[in-house]
């Protein structure tokens, strides 16, 4: 957990980067000020909105363990930035799917979800879509610059993970060479 800045195996990061996963040291870094921003700036309050963000970052750890992260990283040298961004989106959407799978099993095995929790996660996924963030920041949307996916895509993949609980249904790379 950090505020302001942190050093990781992936380099130094400021609070502006928000929570992230670093494959170099296999750690999830949680920017505590991001949760205040979620509530105040993104209008996404709730404990389960925060849990969704953490589960998404843990989803990146799962991708690292499965070798998916490495496969995508290998494409960086061979593709243009625009083409690579498409793979980045696929990676992020899969992490959203894994967060949904976690929520599925957290609910069914531990019965920890409360009424409204899934809506909190969906609201957070909607708020942090590239299209919404770009529109609010610049007044326009540039799909070629997307790195995390649209609000609709992020909500779709989280919900699919939650509804199915089946990790085999999270192939966001279908039809690609990953």
Foldseek 3Di string as FASTA:
>chain_A
DDAQWDQDPVGIDGCVVAWAADLRVRDTDHHPVVQVCCVPVLVQDDPLLVLLVVQLRVLVSVCSVVCNVVVLVVCPVVDDLLVSLLVLQLSLLLSLLSSLLVVQCCCVPVVPDDPCSLVSNLSSLQSPAQQNVCCVPPVGHDVSNGRHHHSVSSSVSSNVSNVPSDSVPSRSQPPHPD
